């Protein structure tokens, strides 16, 4: 004999109580997993439907225990998604893309501080993300390249005309700096003199980042930042990868960028 299927939300959580055709109630967690409830009282669903009374004490007590356990599991899942010790993120810059990044990071638990590019950084920052529309916005980056030496992760996003680039994530002195990324790009360019001129004095874009480009950029930034926060297996790859989006063609490419040792000091003879 089969039972009628029933689904009811579990209060103060993202879980649901589900009764399938087999007659065995389970909790469907926010992750999509199902947890079987052992020997539940028959009035359990009634306790959910009439939370202010009308059900026996055993059902109400079980419901309270279920809610507490589910909330604890959801708290653990939130910490697994974004560990607490890496939630303090500072974003330097302004504009729609920065506003979007702030919303995206906050929605998944980050504690975000947005500042203008010249502001002093908060002492508790774990990661600094800088956004630049043009060369003027990047003038501080050579100083901020020292952040990894202080134990602060360093991520750079910049526009060149309509193109948008995300530099490799820098975590220590062995990762490419902003100057090294620029030098590698000049070395690989078929027109290095023109590329250098644009990098040094190219104008700000005439149009804002369009919606489709913003979605792609924000998704990439979230991927990089979450990989860093959780120390996922792909982290080393992101430390040597330059990501580039060309909205006019829809092209998304990745380019390997390796650091190089600093030139030795020159001796005057």
Protein backbone atom coordinates (compact mmCIF):
# COMPACT_ATOMS: atom_id res chain seq x y z
CA UNK A 1 0.00 0.00 0.00
CA UNK A 2 1.40 3.35 -0.94
CA UNK A 3 1.03 6.61 0.97
CA UNK A 4 0.01 9.96 -0.37
CA UNK A 5 3.05 12.15 -1.02
CA UNK A 6 3.38 15.21 1.21
CA UNK A 7 5.97 18.00 1.26
CA UNK A 8 6.14 20.70 3.92
CA UNK A 9 8.83 23.32 4.58
CA UNK A 10 10.78 23.05 7.81
CA UNK A 11 10.58 26.43 9.60
CA UNK A 12 13.64 28.66 9.90
CA UNK A 13 15.63 26.63 7.38
CA UNK A 14 15.88 25.77 3.71
CA UNK A 15 14.88 22.15 4.34
CA UNK A 16 11.62 20.30 3.69
CA UNK A 17 9.89 17.33 5.27
CA UNK A 18 9.06 14.87 2.48
CA UNK A 19 6.80 11.83 2.63
CA UNK A 20 7.13 9.70 -0.50
CA UNK A 21 5.12 6.75 -1.78
CA UNK A 22 7.08 4.40 0.50
CA UNK A 23 5.54 6.08 3.55
CA UNK A 24 8.93 6.87 5.13
CA UNK A 25 9.44 10.55 6.01
CA UNK A 26 12.73 12.16 5.15
CA UNK A 27 14.26 15.59 5.48
CA UNK A 28 15.38 17.10 2.18
CA UNK A 29 18.32 19.37 3.00
CA UNK A 30 19.26 22.48 1.03
CA UNK A 31 22.09 20.47 -0.52
CA UNK A 32 19.55 18.12 -2.13
CA UNK A 33 20.42 15.21 0.15
CA UNK A 34 17.70 13.24 1.93
CA UNK A 35 18.00 12.18 5.59
CA UNK A 36 15.68 9.42 6.85
CA UNK A 37 13.78 10.11 10.08
CA UNK A 38 13.81 7.05 12.35
CA UNK A 39 10.52 6.03 14.02
CA UNK A 40 8.74 9.38 13.69
CA UNK A 41 5.42 9.90 15.49
CA UNK A 42 2.40 9.82 13.21
CA UNK A 43 1.55 13.41 14.11
CA UNK A 44 4.83 14.85 12.79
CA UNK A 45 3.25 16.40 9.69
CA UNK A 46 0.38 17.73 11.81
CA UNK A 47 2.94 19.44 14.05
CA UNK A 48 4.33 21.22 11.00
CA UNK A 49 0.92 22.21 9.70
CA UNK A 50 -0.24 23.52 13.11
CA UNK A 51 2.94 24.77 14.79
CA UNK A 52 1.01 26.78 17.42
CA UNK A 53 -0.71 23.78 18.91
CA UNK A 54 -2.96 20.86 18.14
CA UNK A 55 -0.23 18.16 18.07
CA UNK A 56 1.12 15.91 20.80
CA UNK A 57 4.28 16.60 22.76
CA UNK A 58 6.34 13.87 21.10
CA UNK A 59 5.77 15.28 17.61
CA UNK A 60 6.51 18.84 18.71
CA UNK A 61 9.67 17.76 20.53
CA UNK A 62 10.89 15.83 17.48
CA UNK A 63 10.13 18.79 15.24
CA UNK A 64 12.19 21.07 17.50
CA UNK A 65 15.11 18.62 17.41
CA UNK A 66 14.89 18.33 13.63
CA UNK A 67 14.91 22.10 13.19
CA UNK A 68 17.94 22.47 15.47
CA UNK A 69 19.87 19.71 13.70
CA UNK A 70 19.07 21.10 10.25
CA UNK A 71 20.14 24.60 11.29
CA UNK A 72 23.43 23.21 12.60
CA UNK A 73 24.02 21.38 9.33
CA UNK A 74 23.27 24.51 7.33
CA UNK A 75 25.76 26.48 9.45
CA UNK A 76 28.42 23.86 8.75
CA UNK A 77 27.61 23.99 5.03
CA UNK A 78 27.96 27.79 5.02
CA UNK A 79 31.42 27.50 6.61
CA UNK A 80 32.37 24.82 4.10
CA UNK A 81 31.28 27.11 1.26
CA UNK A 82 33.28 30.03 2.65
CA UNK A 83 35.55 29.51 5.71
CA UNK A 84 35.13 32.28 8.28
CA UNK A 85 38.83 33.13 8.51
CA UNK A 86 38.85 34.20 4.84
CA UNK A 87 35.65 36.22 4.65
CA UNK A 88 37.16 39.70 5.03
CA UNK A 89 37.50 41.07 1.50
CA UNK A 90 38.41 44.62 0.47
CA UNK A 91 37.44 45.81 -3.02
CA UNK A 92 39.16 48.88 -4.45
CA UNK A 93 37.34 50.75 -7.21
CA UNK A 94 33.94 52.01 -8.23
CA UNK A 95 31.24 51.41 -10.79
CA UNK A 96 28.61 48.84 -11.68
CA UNK A 97 31.06 45.94 -11.79
CA UNK A 98 32.35 46.72 -8.29
CA UNK A 99 28.79 47.08 -7.00
CA UNK A 100 27.91 43.73 -8.54
CA UNK A 101 30.95 42.06 -7.02
CA UNK A 102 30.06 43.42 -3.59
CA UNK A 103 26.53 41.98 -3.86
CA UNK A 104 27.76 38.61 -5.13
CA UNK A 105 30.36 38.18 -2.40
CA UNK A 106 28.05 39.32 0.39
CA UNK A 107 25.30 36.95 -0.75
CA UNK A 108 27.63 34.02 -0.06
CA UNK A 109 28.86 35.23 3.30
CA UNK A 110 31.83 37.51 2.67
CA UNK A 111 32.39 40.61 4.78
CA UNK A 112 33.08 43.15 2.04
CA UNK A 113 34.59 46.62 2.35
CA UNK A 114 34.51 48.81 -0.79
CA UNK A 115 36.98 51.70 -0.93
CA UNK A 116 38.30 54.12 -3.52
CA UNK A 117 41.63 53.08 -5.10
CA UNK A 118 43.74 55.41 -2.92
CA UNK A 119 42.25 54.54 0.47
CA UNK A 120 44.16 52.86 3.29
CA UNK A 121 43.36 49.17 3.62
CA UNK A 122 41.59 47.70 6.66
CA UNK A 123 43.89 45.84 9.04
CA UNK A 124 41.81 42.65 9.02
CA UNK A 125 41.67 42.20 5.25
CA UNK A 126 42.41 38.70 3.94
CA UNK A 127 42.01 39.51 0.24
CA UNK A 128 42.25 42.72 -1.76
CA UNK A 129 40.52 42.91 -5.15
CA UNK A 130 41.30 45.99 -7.26
CA UNK A 131 39.28 47.10 -10.28
CA UNK A 132 40.68 49.61 -12.77
CA UNK A 133 39.05 51.23 -15.79
CA UNK A 134 42.29 52.75 -17.09
CA UNK A 135 46.00 53.27 -16.43
CA UNK A 136 45.30 56.01 -13.90
CA UNK A 137 43.36 53.59 -11.71
CA UNK A 138 46.32 51.19 -11.78
CA UNK A 139 48.94 53.66 -10.55
CA UNK A 140 48.97 52.17 -7.04
CA UNK A 141 49.23 48.56 -8.11
CA UNK A 142 53.02 48.35 -7.93
CA UNK A 143 52.79 49.22 -4.22
CA UNK A 144 49.95 46.77 -3.65
CA UNK A 145 52.07 44.04 -5.26
CA UNK A 146 53.71 43.84 -1.82
CA UNK A 147 50.49 42.63 -0.17
CA UNK A 148 51.31 38.91 -0.52
CA UNK A 149 54.48 39.51 1.50
CA UNK A 150 52.16 40.60 4.33
CA UNK A 151 49.97 37.50 4.06
CA UNK A 152 47.20 39.25 2.11
CA UNK A 153 45.91 37.73 -1.13
CA UNK A 154 45.96 40.12 -4.12
CA UNK A 155 43.68 40.00 -7.19
CA UNK A 156 43.50 42.52 -10.04
CA UNK A 157 40.77 43.23 -12.60
CA UNK A 158 41.18 45.81 -15.35
CA UNK A 159 39.65 47.01 -18.59
CA UNK A 160 41.64 47.82 -21.69
CA UNK A 161 39.16 49.46 -23.99
CA UNK A 162 36.22 47.08 -23.93
CA UNK A 163 38.34 44.03 -23.07
CA UNK A 164 38.41 42.87 -19.44
CA UNK A 165 41.33 41.04 -17.88
CA UNK A 166 41.70 39.25 -14.55
CA UNK A 167 45.33 38.84 -13.53
CA UNK A 168 46.68 35.73 -11.80
CA UNK A 169 45.90 35.56 -8.10
CA UNK A 170 48.95 36.48 -6.01
CA UNK A 171 49.48 34.77 -2.65
CA UNK A 172 53.22 35.04 -2.04
CA UNK A 173 56.46 36.40 -3.47
CA UNK A 174 56.62 33.60 -6.04
CA UNK A 175 53.48 34.76 -7.89
CA UNK A 176 53.46 37.22 -10.82
CA UNK A 177 53.16 40.88 -9.89
CA UNK A 178 51.18 43.40 -11.91
CA UNK A 179 54.43 44.63 -13.49
CA UNK A 180 55.44 41.10 -14.43
CA UNK A 181 52.08 40.38 -16.02
CA UNK A 182 52.43 43.57 -18.06
CA UNK A 183 55.97 42.65 -19.10
CA UNK A 184 54.92 39.14 -20.15
CA UNK A 185 52.12 40.56 -22.26
CA UNK A 186 54.48 43.00 -23.94
CA UNK A 187 56.89 40.18 -24.71
CA UNK A 188 54.10 38.14 -26.30
CA UNK A 189 52.59 41.03 -28.28
CA UNK A 190 53.00 41.41 -32.03
CA UNK A 191 52.95 45.18 -31.50
CA UNK A 192 54.79 45.71 -28.19
CA UNK A 193 55.33 49.46 -28.60
CA UNK A 194 51.63 50.11 -29.21
CA UNK A 195 50.65 47.71 -26.44
CA UNK A 196 52.94 49.51 -24.02
CA UNK A 197 51.57 52.90 -25.03
CA UNK A 198 48.03 51.72 -24.39
CA UNK A 199 48.92 50.14 -21.06
CA UNK A 200 50.54 53.34 -19.88
CA UNK A 201 48.06 55.94 -21.08
CA UNK A 202 45.02 54.29 -22.69
CA UNK A 203 41.77 56.21 -22.06
CA UNK A 204 38.91 54.97 -19.94
CA UNK A 205 36.29 52.99 -21.90
CA UNK A 206 33.58 55.06 -23.53
CA UNK A 207 30.85 52.56 -22.59
CA UNK A 208 30.08 50.70 -19.36
CA UNK A 209 30.48 46.96 -19.02
CA UNK A 210 27.41 45.36 -20.60
CA UNK A 211 25.21 42.92 -18.68
CA UNK A 212 26.47 39.76 -20.39
CA UNK A 213 30.12 40.70 -19.88
CA UNK A 214 29.43 41.55 -16.24
CA UNK A 215 27.91 38.10 -15.65
CA UNK A 216 30.98 36.38 -17.11
CA UNK A 217 33.43 38.54 -15.16
CA UNK A 218 31.58 38.20 -11.85
CA UNK A 219 31.31 34.44 -12.29
CA UNK A 220 35.05 34.19 -12.92
CA UNK A 221 35.86 36.40 -9.93
CA UNK A 222 33.61 34.37 -7.66
CA UNK A 223 35.26 31.16 -8.88
CA UNK A 224 38.75 32.51 -8.21
CA UNK A 225 37.87 33.94 -4.80
CA UNK A 226 36.06 30.81 -3.61
CA UNK A 227 38.94 28.64 -4.79
CA UNK A 228 41.27 30.79 -2.71
CA UNK A 229 38.97 30.85 0.33
CA UNK A 230 38.65 27.05 0.37
CA UNK A 231 42.19 26.29 -0.83
CA UNK A 232 40.69 24.09 -3.55
CA UNK A 233 42.77 21.92 -5.85
CA UNK A 234 42.64 24.42 -8.74
CA UNK A 235 44.31 27.18 -6.70
CA UNK A 236 47.82 26.74 -8.15
CA UNK A 237 46.45 26.99 -11.69
CA UNK A 238 44.75 30.31 -10.92
CA UNK A 239 48.03 31.73 -9.60
CA UNK A 240 49.56 31.55 -13.07
CA UNK A 241 46.51 32.21 -15.27
CA UNK A 242 45.55 35.48 -16.95
CA UNK A 243 41.86 35.47 -17.92
CA UNK A 244 40.66 37.67 -20.77
CA UNK A 245 37.21 38.54 -22.08
CA UNK A 246 36.67 40.33 -25.40
CA UNK A 247 32.97 41.32 -25.37
CA UNK A 248 32.91 42.38 -29.03
CA UNK A 249 33.56 38.78 -30.13
CA UNK A 250 32.43 36.93 -27.00
CA UNK A 251 35.90 35.41 -26.74
CA UNK A 252 37.05 34.09 -23.34
CA UNK A 253 40.66 32.92 -23.16
CA UNK A 254 43.22 31.91 -20.56
CA UNK A 255 46.94 32.59 -20.79
CA UNK A 256 49.72 31.19 -18.63
CA UNK A 257 51.82 33.90 -16.97
CA UNK A 258 54.88 32.85 -15.01
CA UNK A 259 56.82 35.10 -12.63
CA UNK A 260 60.43 35.97 -13.32
CA UNK A 261 63.21 36.96 -10.93
CA UNK A 262 63.90 40.62 -10.34
CA UNK A 263 66.82 42.05 -12.24
CA UNK A 264 69.98 42.33 -10.12
CA UNK A 265 71.02 45.85 -9.13
CA UNK A 266 73.22 47.54 -11.73
CA UNK A 267 76.76 48.38 -10.74
CA UNK A 268 78.13 51.73 -11.79
CA UNK A 269 81.72 51.49 -13.02
